[in-house]
């Protein structure tokens, strides 16, 4: 059964060069506008319980299509049919009265969806907990930042029991930790059988979250089907449109972080945790702090491709540990594990720890050229080995590292590669001849061109 059916849908606008032309056209009965079709004969369907992605360049009609599905805009021709209660995150601030407080807007939006005041009162603590806007919940939303708008809108949308959730690039506005929290919630809703339509320029999110995708180009359907097929075609088209003479974005040394660090001392202890999404363990030891350090020994939160970085972890032991183990997991913004390293698995045996001792462990990393974006470190301390252990403290998404572009990366990461010209046939020869020894062309890494 389909939750959404779009049939031959088109949307037409009249574009006037200046406001007076509209009046002149009405009086003189002479055309003074340009015809613009934002959508042209778009047809597709979204099965109930699936996650559907819509991709395309700016101006391709993605937001217009989502607004028509949500019912906030009427099509010129065709139809869009939905079956189920809809919650939509459209353009920033849509559906909110700027003069009302966040709490009042929550009640207003819920009543529009047919949810009674008693129900929304019961759900309000969870809305406040997810939004994390504190006292601003009782302030007019006109005082909100763009990130606070999105926090409240998303928290409200997921707590009204929608059967269909429509998201239009709203998650890109929130801060990096909130984005990952939203992605986890979308995964949970997907497991619960909710229908989700996601409009995004984040191709990684579309690839990993969506069961099928639609590619819009100039208002029309360029492709529609399995996500991998649609995304592959879209990325190929975008790569072909790239200017081959555009310079690479290479960082100069002066662009590196200039933050200062404390002078070297015998006692190096980190006492700050940037973020804690979830924390568990028997707490016989605890993570005191985590810090990222660049090649100059300075604290940093971003690096360019090929730059080394050190993850510094300080842990305090409340009980004696015979075989302490410290490690981390690196995840992308979708919460997918990129790699995991711990002292035991790496062959490093840390000395036994006594109660009240503090260990600071440095993980000196040479990361491969990853897709530019945000990456998150989860850290842990345990007792035992990487095969048999007891977790003392496991802290999820404790700090974030931004990877900035120095190389063009397709997919998740770029591998080292050696390329050899193995054989070349003689010119104008249709039958392969016995090959002679040929010189080889080698490169340490795959060409960026």
Protein backbone atom coordinates (compact mmCIF):
# COMPACT_ATOMS: atom_id res chain seq x y z
CA UNK A 1 0.00 0.00 0.00
CA UNK A 2 1.31 3.46 -0.93
CA UNK A 3 1.39 6.23 1.67
CA UNK A 4 2.03 8.93 -0.98
CA UNK A 5 0.98 8.95 -4.63
CA UNK A 6 1.95 11.84 -6.92
CA UNK A 7 0.29 11.72 -10.35
CA UNK A 8 1.32 13.93 -13.28
CA UNK A 9 1.86 16.90 -10.96
CA UNK A 10 2.89 20.31 -12.34
CA UNK A 11 3.26 23.76 -10.79
CA UNK A 12 3.26 26.96 -12.85
CA UNK A 13 4.30 30.50 -11.90
CA UNK A 14 4.15 33.81 -13.71
CA UNK A 15 7.39 35.78 -13.34
CA UNK A 16 7.17 39.57 -13.69
CA UNK A 17 10.21 41.82 -14.15
CA UNK A 18 8.65 44.43 -11.86
CA UNK A 19 5.41 44.73 -9.85
CA UNK A 20 3.89 47.31 -12.22
CA UNK A 21 3.94 44.78 -15.07
CA UNK A 22 1.25 42.75 -13.33
CA UNK A 23 -1.15 45.72 -13.40
CA UNK A 24 -0.22 46.65 -16.99
CA UNK A 25 -0.91 43.09 -18.12
CA UNK A 26 -4.35 43.13 -16.50
CA UNK A 27 -5.28 46.53 -18.02
CA UNK A 28 -3.72 46.22 -21.45
CA UNK A 29 -4.46 42.52 -21.94
CA UNK A 30 -0.91 42.06 -23.17
CA UNK A 31 1.49 39.45 -21.85
CA UNK A 32 4.21 41.00 -19.70
CA UNK A 33 5.35 37.94 -17.80
CA UNK A 34 7.58 34.93 -18.32
CA UNK A 35 6.23 31.42 -17.88
CA UNK A 36 8.02 29.30 -15.32
CA UNK A 37 7.18 25.68 -14.58
CA UNK A 38 8.65 24.79 -11.18
CA UNK A 39 7.40 21.22 -11.62
CA UNK A 40 6.56 19.43 -14.84
CA UNK A 41 4.54 16.21 -14.94
CA UNK A 42 6.07 14.62 -11.85
CA UNK A 43 4.80 11.15 -10.96
CA UNK A 44 5.98 8.70 -8.28
CA UNK A 45 4.74 6.75 -5.27
CA UNK A 46 6.11 6.08 -1.79
CA UNK A 47 5.18 2.74 -0.17
CA UNK A 48 3.94 2.85 3.40
CA UNK A 49 6.75 2.40 5.93
CA UNK A 50 9.57 3.29 3.54
CA UNK A 51 12.06 6.17 3.56
CA UNK A 52 12.14 8.16 0.33
CA UNK A 53 14.77 10.70 -0.70
CA UNK A 54 14.46 13.63 -3.11
CA UNK A 55 17.66 15.06 -4.56
CA UNK A 56 18.57 17.64 -7.18
CA UNK A 57 20.35 20.92 -7.66
CA UNK A 58 19.09 24.20 -6.22
CA UNK A 59 16.01 25.34 -8.13
CA UNK A 60 15.09 21.87 -9.33
CA UNK A 61 11.69 21.95 -7.57
CA UNK A 62 12.37 19.82 -4.49
CA UNK A 63 10.92 22.21 -1.89
CA UNK A 64 7.94 23.04 -4.08
CA UNK A 65 7.15 19.35 -4.44
CA UNK A 66 7.36 18.77 -0.70
CA UNK A 67 5.09 21.73 0.04
CA UNK A 68 2.48 20.34 -2.34
CA UNK A 69 2.70 16.92 -0.67
CA UNK A 70 2.34 18.61 2.74
CA UNK A 71 -0.76 20.48 1.52
CA UNK A 72 0.61 23.98 2.03
CA UNK A 73 0.61 24.63 -1.72
CA UNK A 74 -1.76 23.64 -4.51
CA UNK A 75 -0.54 22.19 -7.81
CA UNK A 76 -1.44 23.74 -11.15
CA UNK A 77 -2.26 20.34 -12.67
CA UNK A 78 -2.11 16.77 -11.40
CA UNK A 79 -2.55 15.57 -7.87
CA UNK A 80 -0.72 14.46 -4.74
CA UNK A 81 -2.48 11.99 -2.44
CA UNK A 82 -1.35 11.15 1.08
CA UNK A 83 -2.72 8.51 3.45
CA UNK A 84 -1.92 9.16 7.10
CA UNK A 85 -1.20 11.91 9.61
CA UNK A 86 1.54 14.20 8.30
CA UNK A 87 4.18 16.16 10.21
CA UNK A 88 6.34 18.44 8.07
CA UNK A 89 9.57 20.34 8.61
CA UNK A 90 9.55 22.74 5.69
CA UNK A 91 11.24 26.12 5.36
CA UNK A 92 12.57 27.71 8.53
CA UNK A 93 9.84 28.92 10.88
CA UNK A 94 6.92 27.63 8.82
CA UNK A 95 3.85 26.85 10.91
CA UNK A 96 4.96 29.00 13.85
CA UNK A 97 3.38 32.26 14.99
CA UNK A 98 6.37 34.49 15.78
CA UNK A 99 4.46 36.31 18.53
CA UNK A 100 3.62 33.09 20.41
CA UNK A 101 6.03 31.33 22.73
CA UNK A 102 7.53 27.98 21.82
CA UNK A 103 5.14 26.26 24.24
CA UNK A 104 2.12 28.05 22.79
CA UNK A 105 3.17 27.15 19.26
CA UNK A 106 3.52 23.51 20.34
CA UNK A 107 -0.10 23.50 21.53
CA UNK A 108 -1.26 25.35 18.41
CA UNK A 109 0.46 23.00 15.96
CA UNK A 110 -0.69 19.93 17.83
CA UNK A 111 -4.32 21.05 17.80
CA UNK A 112 -4.10 21.52 14.01
CA UNK A 113 -3.02 17.88 13.77
CA UNK A 114 -5.97 16.82 15.92
CA UNK A 115 -4.05 16.18 19.15
CA UNK A 116 -5.77 17.33 22.31
CA UNK A 117 -4.24 19.59 24.95
CA UNK A 118 -4.06 16.75 27.47
CA UNK A 119 -2.00 14.64 25.08
CA UNK A 120 0.44 17.43 24.22
CA UNK A 121 0.78 18.30 27.93
CA UNK A 122 1.78 14.70 28.58
CA UNK A 123 4.33 14.83 25.75
CA UNK A 124 5.69 18.28 26.58
CA UNK A 125 8.56 17.05 28.83
CA UNK A 126 9.89 14.90 25.99
CA UNK A 127 9.53 17.80 23.51
CA UNK A 128 11.49 20.08 25.86
CA UNK A 129 14.13 17.41 26.50
CA UNK A 130 14.73 16.80 22.77
CA UNK A 131 14.66 20.50 21.78
CA UNK A 132 17.05 21.60 24.55
CA UNK A 133 16.21 25.29 24.28
CA UNK A 134 15.77 25.80 28.03
CA UNK A 135 13.94 28.93 29.17
CA UNK A 136 13.38 30.00 25.55
CA UNK A 137 10.48 27.52 25.49
CA UNK A 138 8.45 30.29 27.15
CA UNK A 139 9.81 33.12 24.99
CA UNK A 140 8.31 34.36 21.68
CA UNK A 141 9.76 32.37 18.79
CA UNK A 142 10.64 35.63 17.02
CA UNK A 143 13.56 35.78 19.47
CA UNK A 144 14.83 32.34 18.38
CA UNK A 145 17.93 31.64 16.35
CA UNK A 146 17.60 29.47 13.25
CA UNK A 147 18.97 26.50 15.17
CA UNK A 148 16.40 26.94 17.95
CA UNK A 149 13.61 27.07 15.37
CA UNK A 150 14.72 23.73 13.98
CA UNK A 151 15.18 22.15 17.40
CA UNK A 152 11.64 23.00 18.43
CA UNK A 153 10.11 22.10 15.06
CA UNK A 154 11.80 18.70 14.91
CA UNK A 155 11.06 17.91 18.57
CA UNK A 156 7.40 18.75 17.99
CA UNK A 157 7.15 16.82 14.70
CA UNK A 158 8.45 13.55 16.12
CA UNK A 159 6.27 13.74 19.23
CA UNK A 160 2.86 14.04 17.56
CA UNK A 161 2.89 10.41 16.39
CA UNK A 162 3.07 11.18 12.66
CA UNK A 163 2.49 8.39 10.17
CA UNK A 164 4.31 10.42 7.52
CA UNK A 165 7.27 12.73 8.24
CA UNK A 166 8.38 15.26 5.62
CA UNK A 167 11.80 16.87 6.12
CA UNK A 168 13.09 19.63 3.82
CA UNK A 169 16.80 20.21 4.49
CA UNK A 170 15.90 21.44 7.97
CA UNK A 171 18.51 19.32 9.70
CA UNK A 172 21.33 21.21 8.01
CA UNK A 173 20.49 24.26 10.14
CA UNK A 174 20.90 22.65 13.55
CA UNK A 175 24.26 22.25 15.26
CA UNK A 176 26.37 19.19 14.56
CA UNK A 177 25.39 17.24 17.68
CA UNK A 178 21.70 17.94 17.17
CA UNK A 179 21.96 16.76 13.55
CA UNK A 180 23.25 13.38 14.65
CA UNK A 181 20.54 13.10 17.30
CA UNK A 182 17.94 13.76 14.60
CA UNK A 183 19.45 11.12 12.33
CA UNK A 184 19.24 8.56 15.14
CA UNK A 185 15.59 9.49 15.67
CA UNK A 186 14.86 9.13 11.96
CA UNK A 187 16.42 5.66 12.05
CA UNK A 188 14.21 4.79 15.02
CA UNK A 189 11.08 6.03 13.23
CA UNK A 190 12.10 4.02 10.19
CA UNK A 191 12.29 0.88 12.33
CA UNK A 192 8.84 1.69 13.72
CA UNK A 193 7.40 1.61 10.20
CA UNK A 194 6.88 5.34 9.70
CA UNK A 195 6.92 6.79 6.19
CA UNK A 196 9.65 9.41 5.77
CA UNK A 197 10.31 11.74 2.84
CA UNK A 198 13.68 13.48 3.04
CA UNK A 199 14.79 16.36 0.81
CA UNK A 200 18.51 16.94 1.16
CA UNK A 201 21.76 17.92 -0.54
CA UNK A 202 23.50 15.49 1.81
CA UNK A 203 23.99 12.57 -0.55
CA UNK A 204 25.50 10.41 2.21
CA UNK A 205 22.30 10.80 4.25
CA UNK A 206 20.13 9.92 1.25
CA UNK A 207 22.26 6.86 0.44
CA UNK A 208 22.22 5.50 3.97
CA UNK A 209 18.69 6.33 5.10
CA UNK A 210 16.52 5.98 2.01
CA UNK A 211 15.02 2.88 0.39
CA UNK A 212 14.34 4.72 -2.86
CA UNK A 213 15.06 8.16 -4.31
CA UNK A 214 13.80 10.68 -6.83
CA UNK A 215 16.13 12.93 -8.83
CA UNK A 216 14.57 16.19 -9.99
CA UNK A 217 16.15 18.31 -12.71
CA UNK A 218 14.64 21.60 -13.92
CA UNK A 219 11.29 20.60 -12.40
CA UNK A 220 11.07 17.22 -14.12
CA UNK A 221 11.86 13.66 -13.08
CA UNK A 222 15.37 12.77 -14.20
CA UNK A 223 15.40 9.40 -12.45
CA UNK A 224 13.39 7.48 -9.88
CA UNK A 225 14.09 4.09 -8.33
CA UNK A 226 16.59 2.35 -6.09
CA UNK A 227 18.69 4.79 -4.09
CA UNK A 228 22.06 3.49 -5.26
CA UNK A 229 21.10 3.79 -8.92
CA UNK A 230 19.65 7.30 -8.59
CA UNK A 231 22.47 8.65 -6.43
CA UNK A 232 25.12 7.15 -8.71
CA UNK A 233 23.61 8.87 -11.75
CA UNK A 234 23.28 12.17 -9.90
CA UNK A 235 26.88 12.16 -8.66
CA UNK A 236 28.15 11.28 -12.13
CA UNK A 237 26.21 14.17 -13.64
CA UNK A 238 27.46 16.59 -11.00
CA UNK A 239 31.07 15.48 -11.53
CA UNK A 240 30.77 16.01 -15.27
CA UNK A 241 29.44 19.53 -14.73
CA UNK A 242 32.38 20.48 -12.53
CA UNK A 243 34.76 23.00 -14.06
CA UNK A 244 37.93 20.97 -14.83
CA UNK A 245 40.05 24.12 -14.49
CA UNK A 246 38.73 25.07 -11.05
CA UNK A 247 41.56 25.18 -8.52
CA UNK A 248 41.60 22.73 -5.66
CA UNK A 249 40.82 24.05 -2.21
CA UNK A 250 44.28 23.75 -0.67
CA UNK A 251 44.91 25.17 2.77
CA UNK A 252 47.85 27.37 3.54
CA UNK A 253 49.79 26.92 6.73
CA UNK A 254 48.46 30.23 8.02
CA UNK A 255 44.89 28.89 7.98
CA UNK A 256 45.64 26.36 10.71
CA UNK A 257 44.24 26.78 14.20
CA UNK A 258 46.01 29.40 16.31
CA UNK A 259 44.61 28.32 19.66
CA UNK A 260 47.21 28.17 22.41
CA UNK A 261 47.82 25.27 24.77
CA UNK A 262 49.25 25.04 28.22
CA UNK A 263 52.98 24.76 28.52
CA UNK A 264 54.39 21.24 28.59
CA UNK A 265 54.45 19.73 32.05
CA UNK A 266 54.84 16.34 33.63
CA UNK A 267 51.15 16.29 34.50
CA UNK A 268 49.00 16.31 31.37
CA UNK A 269 45.35 15.86 32.31
CA UNK A 270 42.32 16.84 30.22
CA UNK A 271 39.29 17.79 32.29
CA UNK A 272 36.66 18.78 29.70
CA UNK A 273 34.01 16.85 27.76
CA UNK A 274 32.58 18.80 24.83
CA UNK A 275 29.43 16.71 24.58
CA UNK A 276 27.80 13.64 26.12
CA UNK A 277 24.98 12.01 24.16
CA UNK A 278 24.88 8.83 26.24
CA UNK A 279 27.07 7.38 28.97
CA UNK A 280 27.17 3.95 30.56
CA UNK A 281 29.43 1.50 32.43
CA UNK A 282 30.10 0.34 35.97
CA UNK A 283 32.02 3.60 36.67
CA UNK A 284 34.93 1.86 38.37
CA UNK A 285 36.87 4.25 36.16
CA UNK A 286 35.69 7.36 34.35
CA UNK A 287 36.64 9.50 31.39
CA UNK A 288 37.71 12.88 32.78
CA UNK A 289 38.26 14.70 29.51
CA UNK A 290 38.96 14.44 25.79
CA UNK A 291 40.89 16.81 23.55
CA UNK A 292 41.94 16.94 19.90
CA UNK A 293 45.48 18.23 19.29
CA UNK A 294 47.01 19.23 15.96
CA UNK A 295 50.58 18.69 14.70
CA UNK A 296 51.79 21.78 16.60
CA UNK A 297 50.44 20.48 19.88
CA UNK A 298 47.57 22.99 19.84
CA UNK A 299 43.91 22.14 20.59
CA UNK A 300 41.88 21.95 17.39
CA UNK A 301 38.44 21.04 16.14
CA UNK A 302 39.22 20.79 12.41
CA UNK A 303 41.98 19.59 10.12
CA UNK A 304 42.66 19.41 6.40
CA UNK A 305 43.22 16.20 4.50
CA UNK A 306 46.60 14.56 5.29
CA UNK A 307 47.08 16.59 8.49
CA UNK A 308 47.89 14.48 11.56
CA UNK A 309 45.74 14.79 14.65
CA UNK A 310 46.02 13.38 18.17
CA UNK A 311 43.08 12.29 20.30
CA UNK A 312 44.02 12.82 23.95
CA UNK A 313 41.98 10.94 26.56
CA UNK A 314 42.30 11.30 30.34
CA UNK A 315 40.76 8.62 32.58
CA UNK A 316 40.66 8.27 36.37
CA UNK A 317 40.52 4.87 38.05
CA UNK A 318 38.38 4.53 41.17
CA UNK A 319 39.31 0.87 41.66
CA UNK A 320 42.50 -1.07 40.86
CA UNK A 321 42.63 -2.20 37.20
CA UNK A 322 44.91 -5.11 36.36
CA UNK A 323 44.63 -4.62 32.60
CA UNK A 324 43.31 -1.14 31.77
CA UNK A 325 42.17 -0.54 28.20
CA UNK A 326 41.44 2.85 26.61
CA UNK A 327 39.96 3.21 23.14
CA UNK A 328 37.72 5.14 20.78
CA UNK A 329 35.25 4.76 17.91
CA UNK A 330 35.17 7.26 15.03
CA UNK A 331 31.73 7.79 13.47
CA UNK A 332 30.39 9.93 10.63
CA UNK A 333 27.48 12.34 10.99
CA UNK A 334 25.03 9.50 10.29
CA UNK A 335 26.33 7.59 13.30
CA UNK A 336 28.05 4.92 11.19
CA UNK A 337 31.27 3.42 12.54
CA UNK A 338 34.30 4.43 10.46
CA UNK A 339 36.90 2.74 12.66
CA UNK A 340 37.58 1.62 16.20
CA UNK A 341 40.92 1.48 18.02
CA UNK A 342 41.86 0.52 21.56
CA UNK A 343 45.15 -0.01 23.34
CA UNK A 344 44.73 -3.76 23.74
CA UNK A 345 43.79 -4.49 20.14
CA UNK A 346 46.68 -2.28 19.02
CA UNK A 347 49.15 -4.36 21.00
CA UNK A 348 49.82 -1.72 23.66
CA UNK A 349 49.73 -3.09 27.21
CA UNK A 350 49.00 -0.32 29.70
CA UNK A 351 50.48 -0.84 33.19
CA UNK A 352 48.12 -1.84 36.01
CA UNK A 353 46.34 1.10 37.59
CA UNK A 354 45.75 1.71 41.29
CA UNK A 355 42.77 3.48 42.76
CA UNK A 356 42.83 7.28 42.25
CA UNK A 357 45.42 7.07 39.47
CA UNK A 358 44.89 9.13 36.29
CA UNK A 359 46.10 7.99 32.86
CA UNK A 360 46.31 10.29 29.85
CA UNK A 361 46.56 8.33 26.61
CA UNK A 362 47.40 9.90 23.24
CA UNK A 363 46.15 8.33 19.99
CA UNK A 364 48.29 9.80 17.19
CA UNK A 365 46.15 9.42 14.05
CA UNK A 366 46.98 9.61 10.37
CA UNK A 367 43.50 9.56 8.90
CA UNK A 368 42.87 8.59 5.26
CA UNK A 369 41.38 11.31 3.02
CA UNK A 370 37.80 11.14 4.30
CA UNK A 371 34.79 12.81 2.75
CA UNK A 372 34.82 16.43 4.04
CA UNK A 373 32.39 16.86 6.89
CA UNK A 374 31.94 16.22 10.60
CA UNK A 375 33.18 13.13 12.43
CA UNK A 376 32.53 12.16 16.04
CA UNK A 377 34.66 10.40 18.64
CA UNK A 378 33.17 8.03 21.20
CA UNK A 379 35.66 7.09 23.93
CA UNK A 380 35.76 4.35 26.55
CA UNK A 381 37.83 2.87 29.35
CA UNK A 382 37.60 -0.80 30.33
CA UNK A 383 39.31 -3.53 32.33
CA UNK A 384 40.53 -6.66 30.54
CA UNK A 385 41.44 -7.18 26.88
CA UNK A 386 39.75 -6.28 23.61
CA UNK A 387 38.29 -9.81 23.58
CA UNK A 388 37.15 -10.09 27.20
CA UNK A 389 36.55 -6.90 29.13
CA UNK A 390 34.31 -5.05 31.56
CA UNK A 391 33.28 -1.56 30.47
CA UNK A 392 33.86 1.08 33.12
CA UNK A 393 32.87 4.23 31.21
CA UNK A 394 31.59 4.54 27.64
CA UNK A 395 30.89 8.12 26.48
CA UNK A 396 29.18 8.56 23.11
CA UNK A 397 29.95 11.46 20.75
CA UNK A 398 32.20 13.25 23.20
CA UNK A 399 33.90 15.50 20.66
CA UNK A 400 33.69 16.40 16.98
CA UNK A 401 36.35 16.77 14.29
CA UNK A 402 35.67 18.65 11.05
CA UNK A 403 37.55 17.36 7.99
CA UNK A 404 38.20 20.18 5.51
CA UNK A 405 38.87 19.59 1.82
CA UNK A 406 42.30 19.30 0.32
CA UNK A 407 41.50 16.42 -2.05
CA UNK A 408 38.39 15.63 -4.02
CA UNK A 409 36.84 12.55 -2.40
CA UNK A 410 34.13 10.39 -3.93
CA UNK A 411 32.28 8.15 -1.50
CA UNK A 412 33.44 7.79 2.10
CA UNK A 413 37.20 8.01 1.64
CA UNK A 414 40.05 8.00 -0.86
CA UNK A 415 42.46 5.05 -0.99
CA UNK A 416 46.11 4.95 -1.95
CA UNK A 417 46.38 3.31 -5.35
CA UNK A 418 49.12 2.35 -7.81
CA UNK A 419 48.12 2.49 -11.50
CA UNK A 420 50.04 0.59 -14.20
CA UNK A 421 49.50 0.61 -17.95
CA UNK A 422 49.61 -3.17 -18.35
CA UNK A 423 49.13 -3.45 -22.11
CA UNK A 424 48.65 -1.22 -25.15
CA UNK A 425 47.84 -2.73 -28.54
CA UNK A 426 49.59 -1.53 -31.71
CA UNK A 427 47.85 1.33 -33.49
CA UNK A 428 45.00 0.28 -35.87
CA UNK A 429 45.27 -3.35 -34.84
CA UNK A 430 41.98 -5.18 -34.28
CA UNK A 431 43.60 -8.47 -33.20
CA UNK A 432 45.63 -8.40 -29.98
CA UNK A 433 49.29 -9.24 -30.58
CA UNK A 434 51.79 -10.59 -28.14
CA UNK A 435 52.61 -7.70 -25.90
CA UNK A 436 56.09 -6.38 -25.60
CA UNK A 437 57.61 -4.96 -22.47
CA UNK A 438 56.06 -1.59 -21.85
CA UNK A 439 57.07 1.16 -19.52
CA UNK A 440 54.71 1.54 -16.59
CA UNK A 441 53.13 4.67 -15.24
CA UNK A 442 52.86 4.72 -11.51
CA UNK A 443 51.20 7.05 -9.06
CA UNK A 444 51.01 6.82 -5.33
CA UNK A 445 47.46 8.01 -5.18
CA UNK A 446 44.55 8.04 -7.54
CA UNK A 447 44.37 11.13 -9.75
CA UNK A 448 42.05 13.88 -8.61
CA UNK A 449 41.11 14.76 -12.17
